[in-house]
Amino acid sequence: MLAFAAEEPAGEPEPVVEEVTPPEPEPVVEPEPEPEPIPDVKPIIEKPIEKKPEPKPKPKPKPKPKPVEKPKPPVERPQLVLNKGNDQKNLNPTAKPSDKGEDKPVATVSSGEGKEPNVVRQGLPVYPQRAKAVGIEGSVKVRFDVDADGRVENVEILSADPKNVFEREIKKAMRQWRYEKIAYKGKVMTIDFKIEGISTSG
């Protein structure tokens, strides 16, 4: 006998499973790191070192020039015109008037009655021993005044040849001289020293 297999009832079709490929994962994009803020750094400016100017050496003071002393004009002394004897002398020499018409001071020489007093006592000076020993001769010109008592004063050596030999003895001797008691100024005398003796003139 044929057995027919009973037809199995048609069932529901098996579901077709489709293979689903999973989507590729998207690449993760990392965010770019934010740039760090640049710090506000102020530039350091070095101040220039001020160089102090070196002190200048003080200039040495220039020595002051010494004032040039002008030679003083020689003072002209009145010259007495002495005549022999007791005649009246020219005792008041006058100065020449200046160009400006102004008269210069006139040097006056006073005397008693205008006459030269006569010698009452006049001892000669001593001849210096050293000068006499070596044979030194010479002469000395002096000027002096006679006061009202007849004494000699204001003795002045006008010239001496040689110098510093006879002057001391002359002044020593003149302290003892006496004249008439007539004041007289500016009497001039020359004393000569010779080996054979001492003499006066004037």
N, C-alpha and C. Protein backbone atom coordinates (compact mmCIF):
# COMPACT_ATOMS: atom_id res chain seq x y z
N MET A 1 0.79 -1.13 0.00
CA MET A 1 0.00 0.00 0.00
C MET A 1 0.84 1.20 0.00
N LEU A 2 0.37 2.05 -0.84
CA LEU A 2 1.10 3.33 -0.84
C LEU A 2 0.60 4.21 0.24
N ALA A 3 1.54 4.38 0.87
CA ALA A 3 1.12 5.33 1.90
C ALA A 3 1.55 6.70 1.51
N PHE A 4 0.71 7.41 1.46
CA PHE A 4 0.95 8.80 1.19
C PHE A 4 1.15 9.52 2.48
N ALA A 5 2.21 10.05 2.33
CA ALA A 5 2.48 10.87 3.57
C ALA A 5 1.60 12.04 3.62
N ALA A 6 1.09 12.04 4.63
CA ALA A 6 0.18 13.17 4.82
C ALA A 6 0.94 14.49 4.73
N GLU A 7 0.40 15.24 3.87
CA GLU A 7 1.00 16.58 3.75
C GLU A 7 0.86 17.36 5.03
N GLU A 8 2.11 17.73 5.37
CA GLU A 8 2.10 18.54 6.60
C GLU A 8 1.58 19.93 6.26
N PRO A 9 0.83 20.35 7.11
CA PRO A 9 0.25 21.64 6.84
C PRO A 9 1.35 22.67 6.72
N ALA A 10 1.15 23.50 5.77
CA ALA A 10 2.17 24.57 5.58
C ALA A 10 2.15 25.51 6.74
N GLY A 11 3.33 25.55 7.26
CA GLY A 11 3.43 26.50 8.39
C GLY A 11 3.91 27.88 7.95
N GLU A 12 4.06 28.67 8.87
CA GLU A 12 4.55 30.05 8.56
C GLU A 12 6.00 29.99 8.12
N PRO A 13 6.31 30.79 7.16
CA PRO A 13 7.68 30.74 6.66
C PRO A 13 8.64 31.25 7.73
N GLU A 14 9.76 30.62 7.67
CA GLU A 14 10.76 31.07 8.65
C GLU A 14 11.24 32.48 8.28
N PRO A 15 11.32 33.26 9.25
CA PRO A 15 11.73 34.64 8.96
C PRO A 15 13.17 34.67 8.49
N VAL A 16 13.34 35.50 7.52
CA VAL A 16 14.71 35.66 6.97
C VAL A 16 15.42 36.74 7.81
N VAL A 17 16.39 36.30 8.35
CA VAL A 17 17.14 37.26 9.20
C VAL A 17 18.24 37.91 8.35
N GLU A 18 18.08 39.17 8.18
CA GLU A 18 19.12 39.90 7.42
C GLU A 18 20.24 40.32 8.39
N GLU A 19 21.37 40.05 7.88
CA GLU A 19 22.53 40.46 8.70
C GLU A 19 22.73 41.97 8.57
N VAL A 20 22.61 42.55 9.63
CA VAL A 20 22.79 44.02 9.65
C VAL A 20 24.21 44.31 10.12
N THR A 21 24.94 44.95 9.24
CA THR A 21 26.32 45.32 9.64
C THR A 21 26.26 46.56 10.51
N PRO A 22 26.80 46.40 11.59
CA PRO A 22 26.74 47.58 12.48
C PRO A 22 27.49 48.75 11.84
N PRO A 23 26.98 49.92 12.01
CA PRO A 23 27.67 51.09 11.44
C PRO A 23 29.04 51.30 12.09
N GLU A 24 29.94 51.71 11.22
CA GLU A 24 31.30 51.96 11.75
C GLU A 24 31.26 53.13 12.74
N PRO A 25 31.90 52.89 13.78
CA PRO A 25 31.86 53.98 14.78
C PRO A 25 32.56 55.24 14.23
N GLU A 26 31.91 56.33 14.46
CA GLU A 26 32.50 57.61 14.01
C GLU A 26 33.74 57.92 14.86
N PRO A 27 34.73 58.37 14.16
CA PRO A 27 35.95 58.69 14.95
C PRO A 27 35.68 59.86 15.90
N VAL A 28 36.15 59.63 17.05
CA VAL A 28 35.95 60.69 18.07
C VAL A 28 37.00 61.79 17.82
N VAL A 29 36.48 62.93 17.56
CA VAL A 29 37.39 64.09 17.32
C VAL A 29 37.64 64.80 18.64
N GLU A 30 38.87 64.73 19.03
CA GLU A 30 39.20 65.40 20.30
C GLU A 30 39.27 66.91 20.05
N PRO A 31 38.66 67.62 20.92
CA PRO A 31 38.74 69.11 20.75
C PRO A 31 40.19 69.60 20.88
N GLU A 32 40.48 70.55 20.02
CA GLU A 32 41.84 71.14 20.08
C GLU A 32 42.02 71.90 21.40
N PRO A 33 43.11 71.66 22.00
CA PRO A 33 43.31 72.37 23.29
C PRO A 33 43.43 73.87 23.04
N GLU A 34 42.75 74.58 23.89
CA GLU A 34 42.81 76.05 23.77
C GLU A 34 44.22 76.52 24.11
N PRO A 35 44.72 77.41 23.30
CA PRO A 35 46.10 77.92 23.61
C PRO A 35 46.13 78.67 24.93
N GLU A 36 47.19 78.38 25.65
CA GLU A 36 47.31 79.07 26.94
C GLU A 36 47.55 80.55 26.70
N PRO A 37 46.89 81.37 27.49
CA PRO A 37 47.08 82.82 27.29
C PRO A 37 48.52 83.21 27.58
N ILE A 38 49.03 84.03 26.71
CA ILE A 38 50.42 84.52 26.88
C ILE A 38 50.43 85.53 28.01
N PRO A 39 51.23 85.27 29.01
CA PRO A 39 51.24 86.25 30.11
C PRO A 39 51.78 87.60 29.64
N ASP A 40 51.14 88.62 30.17
CA ASP A 40 51.52 89.99 29.79
C ASP A 40 52.79 90.37 30.55
N VAL A 41 53.88 90.09 29.90
CA VAL A 41 55.17 90.36 30.56
C VAL A 41 55.71 91.67 30.00
N LYS A 42 55.88 92.62 30.89
CA LYS A 42 56.43 93.90 30.46
C LYS A 42 57.94 93.75 30.31
N PRO A 43 58.43 94.24 29.23
CA PRO A 43 59.88 94.12 29.05
C PRO A 43 60.62 94.96 30.09
N ILE A 44 61.65 94.39 30.63
CA ILE A 44 62.45 95.10 31.63
C ILE A 44 63.46 95.97 30.88
N ILE A 45 63.28 97.24 31.06
CA ILE A 45 64.19 98.18 30.39
C ILE A 45 65.21 98.62 31.42
N GLU A 46 66.43 98.32 31.13
CA GLU A 46 67.49 98.71 32.06
C GLU A 46 67.77 100.20 31.89
N LYS A 47 67.68 100.87 33.01
CA LYS A 47 67.98 102.30 32.97
C LYS A 47 69.47 102.49 32.78
N PRO A 48 69.80 103.38 31.90
CA PRO A 48 71.25 103.61 31.71
C PRO A 48 71.85 104.22 32.97
N ILE A 49 72.98 103.72 33.35
CA ILE A 49 73.65 104.22 34.54
C ILE A 49 74.27 105.57 34.20
N GLU A 50 73.80 106.55 34.94
CA GLU A 50 74.32 107.90 34.68
C GLU A 50 75.73 108.00 35.26
N LYS A 51 76.62 108.33 34.39
CA LYS A 51 77.99 108.50 34.84
C LYS A 51 78.17 109.92 35.37
N LYS A 52 78.57 109.96 36.60
CA LYS A 52 78.81 111.27 37.18
C LYS A 52 80.06 111.87 36.56
N PRO A 53 79.95 113.10 36.13
CA PRO A 53 81.15 113.70 35.53
C PRO A 53 82.25 113.81 36.56
N GLU A 54 83.43 113.44 36.13
CA GLU A 54 84.57 113.52 37.04
C GLU A 54 84.82 114.98 37.37
N PRO A 55 85.04 115.24 38.66
CA PRO A 55 85.28 116.65 39.02
C PRO A 55 86.54 117.18 38.36
N LYS A 56 86.36 118.30 37.74
CA LYS A 56 87.51 118.90 37.07
C LYS A 56 88.47 119.46 38.12
N PRO A 57 89.73 119.26 37.90
CA PRO A 57 90.68 119.81 38.88
C PRO A 57 90.60 121.33 38.89
N LYS A 58 90.56 121.85 40.10
CA LYS A 58 90.49 123.30 40.21
C LYS A 58 91.77 123.92 39.68
N PRO A 59 91.61 124.90 38.84
CA PRO A 59 92.83 125.53 38.32
C PRO A 59 93.56 126.24 39.44
N LYS A 60 94.86 126.07 39.46
CA LYS A 60 95.66 126.72 40.48
C LYS A 60 95.64 128.22 40.24
N PRO A 61 95.41 128.95 41.33
CA PRO A 61 95.38 130.40 41.13
C PRO A 61 96.72 130.91 40.67
N LYS A 62 96.66 131.72 39.67
CA LYS A 62 97.90 132.27 39.13
C LYS A 62 98.49 133.25 40.14
N PRO A 63 99.78 133.13 40.34
CA PRO A 63 100.38 134.09 41.29
C PRO A 63 100.24 135.50 40.78
N LYS A 64 99.81 136.35 41.70
CA LYS A 64 99.64 137.74 41.30
C LYS A 64 101.00 138.35 41.02
N PRO A 65 101.07 139.03 39.93
CA PRO A 65 102.38 139.66 39.65
C PRO A 65 102.69 140.71 40.70
N LYS A 66 103.91 140.69 41.13
CA LYS A 66 104.31 141.67 42.13
C LYS A 66 104.30 143.05 41.49
N PRO A 67 103.72 143.98 42.21
CA PRO A 67 103.71 145.34 41.64
C PRO A 67 105.12 145.86 41.49
N VAL A 68 105.36 146.39 40.34
CA VAL A 68 106.69 146.93 40.06
C VAL A 68 106.81 148.27 40.76
N GLU A 69 107.74 148.31 41.66
CA GLU A 69 107.92 149.56 42.38
C GLU A 69 108.63 150.56 41.48
N LYS A 70 107.97 151.64 41.30
CA LYS A 70 108.58 152.69 40.50
C LYS A 70 109.63 153.40 41.35
N PRO A 71 110.79 153.61 40.78
CA PRO A 71 111.81 154.31 41.58
C PRO A 71 111.34 155.70 41.92
N LYS A 72 111.48 156.02 43.19
CA LYS A 72 111.06 157.34 43.63
C LYS A 72 112.05 158.37 43.12
N PRO A 73 111.55 159.46 42.63
CA PRO A 73 112.48 160.50 42.17
C PRO A 73 113.28 161.03 43.34
N PRO A 74 114.55 161.24 43.15
CA PRO A 74 115.35 161.75 44.27
C PRO A 74 114.83 163.10 44.74
N VAL A 75 114.79 163.22 46.04
CA VAL A 75 114.30 164.48 46.62
C VAL A 75 115.43 165.50 46.55
N GLU A 76 115.14 166.53 45.87
CA GLU A 76 116.16 167.57 45.76
C GLU A 76 116.17 168.40 47.02
N ARG A 77 117.29 168.42 47.63
CA ARG A 77 117.42 169.21 48.85
C ARG A 77 117.98 170.59 48.50
N PRO A 78 117.55 171.55 49.23
CA PRO A 78 118.05 172.91 48.92
C PRO A 78 119.55 172.99 49.14
N GLN A 79 120.23 173.50 48.17
CA GLN A 79 121.68 173.67 48.27
C GLN A 79 121.97 175.07 48.83
N LEU A 80 122.79 175.06 49.82
CA LEU A 80 123.15 176.33 50.44
C LEU A 80 124.38 176.90 49.74
N VAL A 81 124.31 178.15 49.40
CA VAL A 81 125.46 178.82 48.82
C VAL A 81 126.20 179.49 49.96
N LEU A 82 127.32 178.90 50.34
CA LEU A 82 128.08 179.41 51.48
C LEU A 82 129.29 180.19 50.99
N ASN A 83 129.41 181.42 51.41
CA ASN A 83 130.56 182.25 51.09
C ASN A 83 131.46 182.35 52.31
N LYS A 84 132.70 182.66 52.08
CA LYS A 84 133.62 182.80 53.19
C LYS A 84 133.25 184.04 54.01
N GLY A 85 133.60 183.99 55.27
CA GLY A 85 133.29 185.10 56.14
C GLY A 85 131.90 184.99 56.69
N ASN A 86 131.37 186.06 57.18
CA ASN A 86 130.05 186.08 57.80
C ASN A 86 129.06 186.85 56.96
N ASP A 87 129.26 186.88 55.62
CA ASP A 87 128.30 187.57 54.76
C ASP A 87 126.98 186.84 54.79
N GLN A 88 125.93 187.56 54.43
CA GLN A 88 124.60 186.96 54.41
C GLN A 88 124.51 185.91 53.31
N LYS A 89 123.90 184.78 53.64
CA LYS A 89 123.83 183.64 52.71
C LYS A 89 122.47 183.60 52.02
N ASN A 90 122.48 182.96 50.87
CA ASN A 90 121.23 182.72 50.16
C ASN A 90 120.60 181.47 50.73
N LEU A 91 119.69 181.65 51.66
CA LEU A 91 119.13 180.52 52.41
C LEU A 91 117.77 180.10 51.93
N ASN A 92 117.16 180.81 51.01
CA ASN A 92 115.81 180.48 50.57
C ASN A 92 115.77 180.26 49.07
N PRO A 93 116.28 179.12 48.61
CA PRO A 93 116.19 178.84 47.16
C PRO A 93 114.75 178.63 46.76
N THR A 94 114.37 179.22 45.64
CA THR A 94 112.98 179.11 45.19
C THR A 94 112.89 178.04 44.13
N ALA A 95 111.73 177.37 44.08
CA ALA A 95 111.50 176.32 43.07
C ALA A 95 110.88 176.95 41.84
N LYS A 96 111.16 176.33 40.69
CA LYS A 96 110.60 176.83 39.44
C LYS A 96 109.11 176.56 39.41
N PRO A 97 108.30 177.50 38.89
CA PRO A 97 106.85 177.24 38.80
C PRO A 97 106.56 176.15 37.80
N SER A 98 105.52 175.38 38.05
CA SER A 98 105.16 174.29 37.15
C SER A 98 104.44 174.83 35.93
N ASP A 99 104.29 173.95 34.94
CA ASP A 99 103.62 174.35 33.71
C ASP A 99 102.17 174.73 33.94
N LYS A 100 101.55 174.12 34.95
CA LYS A 100 100.13 174.38 35.19
C LYS A 100 99.90 175.71 35.91
N GLY A 101 100.97 176.36 36.24
CA GLY A 101 100.81 177.62 36.93
C GLY A 101 100.76 177.48 38.43
N GLU A 102 100.80 176.23 38.93
CA GLU A 102 100.77 176.02 40.37
C GLU A 102 102.19 175.97 40.87
N ASP A 103 102.45 176.67 41.93
CA ASP A 103 103.79 176.69 42.49
C ASP A 103 104.00 175.48 43.36
N LYS A 104 105.17 174.84 43.19
CA LYS A 104 105.52 173.71 44.04
C LYS A 104 105.95 174.23 45.40
N PRO A 105 105.88 173.36 46.43
CA PRO A 105 106.32 173.80 47.75
C PRO A 105 107.79 174.21 47.70
N VAL A 106 108.09 175.25 48.37
CA VAL A 106 109.46 175.76 48.38
C VAL A 106 110.11 175.32 49.67
N ALA A 107 111.30 174.67 49.54
CA ALA A 107 112.02 174.25 50.73
C ALA A 107 112.68 175.46 51.36
N THR A 108 112.38 175.67 52.61
CA THR A 108 112.94 176.82 53.30
C THR A 108 113.93 176.36 54.34
N VAL A 109 114.99 177.10 54.49
CA VAL A 109 116.00 176.80 55.50
C VAL A 109 116.04 177.98 56.45
N SER A 110 115.77 177.69 57.71
CA SER A 110 115.72 178.78 58.67
C SER A 110 117.08 178.95 59.33
N SER A 111 117.44 180.13 59.63
CA SER A 111 118.66 180.41 60.37
C SER A 111 118.40 181.60 61.28
N GLY A 112 119.35 181.84 62.17
CA GLY A 112 119.11 182.90 63.15
C GLY A 112 118.89 184.25 62.51
N GLU A 113 119.95 184.94 62.19
CA GLU A 113 119.83 186.25 61.57
C GLU A 113 120.31 186.22 60.13
N GLY A 114 120.31 184.98 59.53
CA GLY A 114 120.75 184.87 58.14
C GLY A 114 122.24 184.77 58.02
N LYS A 115 122.94 184.56 59.09
CA LYS A 115 124.39 184.43 59.00
C LYS A 115 124.82 183.12 59.63
N GLU A 116 125.92 182.61 59.14
CA GLU A 116 126.43 181.32 59.59
C GLU A 116 127.15 181.50 60.92
N PRO A 117 126.84 180.66 61.90
CA PRO A 117 127.52 180.82 63.20
C PRO A 117 128.99 180.43 63.11
N ASN A 118 129.80 181.13 63.86
CA ASN A 118 131.22 180.83 63.91
C ASN A 118 131.49 179.68 64.87
N VAL A 119 132.59 179.00 64.62
CA VAL A 119 132.98 177.88 65.47
C VAL A 119 133.51 178.40 66.80
N VAL A 120 133.01 177.82 67.87
CA VAL A 120 133.51 178.13 69.20
C VAL A 120 134.50 177.06 69.64
N ARG A 121 134.13 175.80 69.41
CA ARG A 121 135.02 174.68 69.75
C ARG A 121 134.81 173.58 68.73
N GLN A 122 135.90 173.12 68.16
CA GLN A 122 135.80 172.08 67.12
C GLN A 122 137.00 171.14 67.24
N GLY A 123 136.80 170.04 67.93
CA GLY A 123 137.86 169.05 68.05
C GLY A 123 137.88 168.14 66.83
N LEU A 124 139.07 167.80 66.39
CA LEU A 124 139.20 166.93 65.22
C LEU A 124 138.92 165.48 65.61
N PRO A 125 138.33 164.70 64.66
CA PRO A 125 138.10 163.28 64.95
C PRO A 125 139.41 162.52 65.05
N VAL A 126 139.34 161.35 65.66
CA VAL A 126 140.51 160.50 65.82
C VAL A 126 140.70 159.68 64.55
N TYR A 127 141.94 159.57 64.12
CA TYR A 127 142.25 158.75 62.93
C TYR A 127 142.11 157.28 63.34
N PRO A 128 141.24 156.49 62.68
CA PRO A 128 141.10 155.08 63.04
C PRO A 128 142.45 154.36 62.95
N GLN A 129 142.78 153.59 64.00
CA GLN A 129 144.09 152.95 64.06
C GLN A 129 144.30 151.97 62.90
N ARG A 130 143.28 151.18 62.59
CA ARG A 130 143.45 150.19 61.52
C ARG A 130 143.72 150.86 60.18
N ALA A 131 142.96 151.94 59.90
CA ALA A 131 143.15 152.65 58.63
C ALA A 131 144.54 153.28 58.57
N LYS A 132 144.97 153.84 59.70
CA LYS A 132 146.29 154.49 59.72
C LYS A 132 147.41 153.47 59.59
N ALA A 133 147.19 152.26 60.17
CA ALA A 133 148.23 151.23 60.14
C ALA A 133 148.50 150.75 58.72
N VAL A 134 147.47 150.69 57.92
CA VAL A 134 147.65 150.20 56.54
C VAL A 134 147.74 151.35 55.54
N GLY A 135 147.74 152.57 56.04
CA GLY A 135 147.92 153.73 55.17
C GLY A 135 146.70 154.14 54.38
N ILE A 136 145.49 153.91 54.92
CA ILE A 136 144.26 154.31 54.22
C ILE A 136 143.98 155.78 54.48
N GLU A 137 143.80 156.53 53.41
CA GLU A 137 143.41 157.93 53.49
C GLU A 137 142.04 158.10 52.84
N GLY A 138 141.36 159.18 53.19
CA GLY A 138 140.05 159.39 52.59
C GLY A 138 139.45 160.70 53.01
N SER A 139 138.20 160.91 52.58
CA SER A 139 137.49 162.14 52.94
C SER A 139 136.02 161.82 53.13
N VAL A 140 135.36 162.59 54.00
CA VAL A 140 133.95 162.41 54.31
C VAL A 140 133.27 163.77 54.25
N LYS A 141 132.13 163.81 53.56
CA LYS A 141 131.36 165.05 53.46
C LYS A 141 130.12 164.91 54.31
N VAL A 142 129.90 165.87 55.22
CA VAL A 142 128.78 165.78 56.15
C VAL A 142 127.92 167.03 56.04
N ARG A 143 126.67 166.87 56.48
CA ARG A 143 125.76 168.01 56.59
C ARG A 143 125.12 167.93 57.97
N PHE A 144 124.95 169.07 58.61
CA PHE A 144 124.40 169.05 59.97
C PHE A 144 123.72 170.38 60.25
N ASP A 145 122.99 170.40 61.36
CA ASP A 145 122.30 171.61 61.81
C ASP A 145 122.94 172.09 63.11
N VAL A 146 122.78 173.37 63.36
CA VAL A 146 123.22 173.96 64.63
C VAL A 146 121.98 174.50 65.31
N ASP A 147 121.75 174.09 66.56
CA ASP A 147 120.55 174.57 67.26
C ASP A 147 120.82 175.93 67.91
N ALA A 148 119.80 176.46 68.58
CA ALA A 148 119.91 177.79 69.17
C ALA A 148 120.94 177.86 70.28
N ASP A 149 121.33 176.71 70.82
CA ASP A 149 122.36 176.69 71.87
C ASP A 149 123.76 176.47 71.30
N GLY A 150 123.87 176.37 69.98
CA GLY A 150 125.17 176.18 69.35
C GLY A 150 125.62 174.73 69.29
N ARG A 151 124.73 173.80 69.58
CA ARG A 151 125.08 172.38 69.53
C ARG A 151 124.81 171.81 68.14
N VAL A 152 125.59 170.80 67.78
CA VAL A 152 125.44 170.15 66.47
C VAL A 152 124.39 169.05 66.58
N GLU A 153 123.50 169.00 65.60
CA GLU A 153 122.47 167.96 65.58
C GLU A 153 122.16 167.58 64.14
N ASN A 154 121.42 166.46 63.99
CA ASN A 154 120.99 165.98 62.66
C ASN A 154 122.18 165.80 61.71
N VAL A 155 123.20 165.10 62.18
CA VAL A 155 124.38 164.86 61.36
C VAL A 155 124.04 163.84 60.27
N GLU A 156 124.37 164.16 59.03
CA GLU A 156 124.08 163.29 57.89
C GLU A 156 125.33 163.14 57.03
N ILE A 157 125.69 161.89 56.73
CA ILE A 157 126.85 161.62 55.88
C ILE A 157 126.40 161.73 54.42
N LEU A 158 126.93 162.71 53.71
CA LEU A 158 126.57 162.88 52.30
C LEU A 158 127.39 161.96 51.40
N SER A 159 128.67 161.81 51.70
CA SER A 159 129.53 160.93 50.92
C SER A 159 130.72 160.54 51.78
N ALA A 160 131.27 159.36 51.49
CA ALA A 160 132.44 158.89 52.22
C ALA A 160 133.29 158.04 51.28
N ASP A 161 134.59 158.31 51.28
CA ASP A 161 135.52 157.55 50.43
C ASP A 161 136.80 157.29 51.22
N PRO A 162 137.01 156.03 51.61
CA PRO A 162 136.14 154.85 51.46
C PRO A 162 135.02 154.87 52.49
N LYS A 163 134.02 154.01 52.26
CA LYS A 163 132.87 153.97 53.15
C LYS A 163 133.17 153.12 54.38
N ASN A 164 132.44 153.44 55.44
CA ASN A 164 132.48 152.68 56.70
C ASN A 164 133.89 152.58 57.29
N VAL A 165 134.64 153.67 57.16
CA VAL A 165 135.99 153.70 57.76
C VAL A 165 136.10 154.85 58.76
N PHE A 166 135.71 156.06 58.32
CA PHE A 166 135.91 157.25 59.14
C PHE A 166 134.62 157.81 59.75
N GLU A 167 133.46 157.35 59.30
CA GLU A 167 132.20 157.99 59.70
C GLU A 167 131.96 157.94 61.21
N ARG A 168 132.27 156.82 61.83
CA ARG A 168 131.99 156.67 63.26
C ARG A 168 132.77 157.68 64.09
N GLU A 169 134.05 157.86 63.78
CA GLU A 169 134.87 158.79 64.54
C GLU A 169 134.43 160.23 64.31
N ILE A 170 133.95 160.52 63.10
CA ILE A 170 133.48 161.88 62.81
C ILE A 170 132.26 162.22 63.65
N LYS A 171 131.27 161.32 63.67
CA LYS A 171 130.06 161.59 64.46
C LYS A 171 130.38 161.72 65.94
N LYS A 172 131.31 160.90 66.39
CA LYS A 172 131.69 160.95 67.81
C LYS A 172 132.31 162.31 68.16
N ALA A 173 133.15 162.81 67.27
CA ALA A 173 133.80 164.10 67.52
C ALA A 173 132.81 165.26 67.42
N MET A 174 131.85 165.17 66.49
CA MET A 174 130.93 166.29 66.27
C MET A 174 129.98 166.51 67.43
N ARG A 175 129.81 165.50 68.28
CA ARG A 175 128.96 165.70 69.47
C ARG A 175 129.57 166.74 70.42
N GLN A 176 130.87 166.94 70.31
CA GLN A 176 131.54 167.88 71.21
C GLN A 176 131.73 169.27 70.58
N TRP A 177 131.33 169.43 69.32
CA TRP A 177 131.52 170.71 68.66
C TRP A 177 130.54 171.75 69.22
N ARG A 178 130.98 173.00 69.24
CA ARG A 178 130.11 174.10 69.67
C ARG A 178 130.28 175.27 68.71
N TYR A 179 129.11 175.90 68.44
CA TYR A 179 129.09 177.08 67.56
C TYR A 179 128.45 178.23 68.32
N GLU A 180 128.45 179.38 67.67
CA GLU A 180 127.73 180.52 68.24
C GLU A 180 126.26 180.14 68.41
N LYS A 181 125.61 180.73 69.36
CA LYS A 181 124.22 180.38 69.65
C LYS A 181 123.29 181.02 68.62
N ILE A 182 123.44 180.54 67.41
CA ILE A 182 122.59 180.99 66.31
C ILE A 182 122.07 179.73 65.61
N ALA A 183 120.77 179.58 65.53
CA ALA A 183 120.20 178.40 64.86
C ALA A 183 120.53 178.46 63.37
N TYR A 184 121.02 177.34 62.88
CA TYR A 184 121.42 177.28 61.47
C TYR A 184 121.19 175.86 60.96
N LYS A 185 120.64 175.75 59.78
CA LYS A 185 120.33 174.43 59.23
C LYS A 185 121.06 174.21 57.90
N GLY A 186 121.54 172.98 57.72
CA GLY A 186 122.12 172.61 56.44
C GLY A 186 123.56 173.01 56.24
N LYS A 187 124.34 173.06 57.30
CA LYS A 187 125.76 173.39 57.14
C LYS A 187 126.48 172.17 56.58
N VAL A 188 127.30 172.37 55.56
CA VAL A 188 128.03 171.29 54.90
C VAL A 188 129.51 171.46 55.17
N MET A 189 130.18 170.33 55.45
CA MET A 189 131.60 170.36 55.75
C MET A 189 132.26 169.11 55.21
N THR A 190 133.51 169.24 54.76
CA THR A 190 134.29 168.10 54.29
C THR A 190 135.47 167.90 55.24
N ILE A 191 135.67 166.66 55.65
CA ILE A 191 136.76 166.32 56.57
C ILE A 191 137.70 165.38 55.83
N ASP A 192 138.96 165.77 55.72
CA ASP A 192 139.96 164.99 55.00
C ASP A 192 140.88 164.28 56.00
N PHE A 193 141.06 162.98 55.74
CA PHE A 193 141.96 162.17 56.56
C PHE A 193 143.22 161.87 55.75
N LYS A 194 144.32 162.43 56.18
CA LYS A 194 145.62 162.18 55.57
C LYS A 194 146.55 161.62 56.64
N ILE A 195 147.51 160.86 56.19
CA ILE A 195 148.45 160.28 57.14
C ILE A 195 149.18 161.39 57.91
N GLU A 196 149.44 162.49 57.23
CA GLU A 196 150.16 163.58 57.90
C GLU A 196 149.26 164.43 58.79
N GLY A 197 147.92 164.25 58.66
CA GLY A 197 147.03 165.00 59.54
C GLY A 197 145.60 165.05 59.02
N ILE A 198 144.69 165.58 59.86
CA ILE A 198 143.26 165.69 59.54
C ILE A 198 142.93 167.16 59.40
N SER A 199 142.14 167.48 58.36
CA SER A 199 141.74 168.87 58.14
C SER A 199 140.27 168.93 57.77
N THR A 200 139.65 170.11 58.02
CA THR A 200 138.24 170.33 57.68
C THR A 200 138.14 171.52 56.75
N SER A 201 137.11 171.50 55.92
CA SER A 201 136.85 172.63 55.02
C SER A 201 135.35 172.77 54.85
N GLY A 202 134.90 174.03 54.70
CA GLY A 202 133.50 174.27 54.50
C GLY A 202 132.89 175.09 55.60
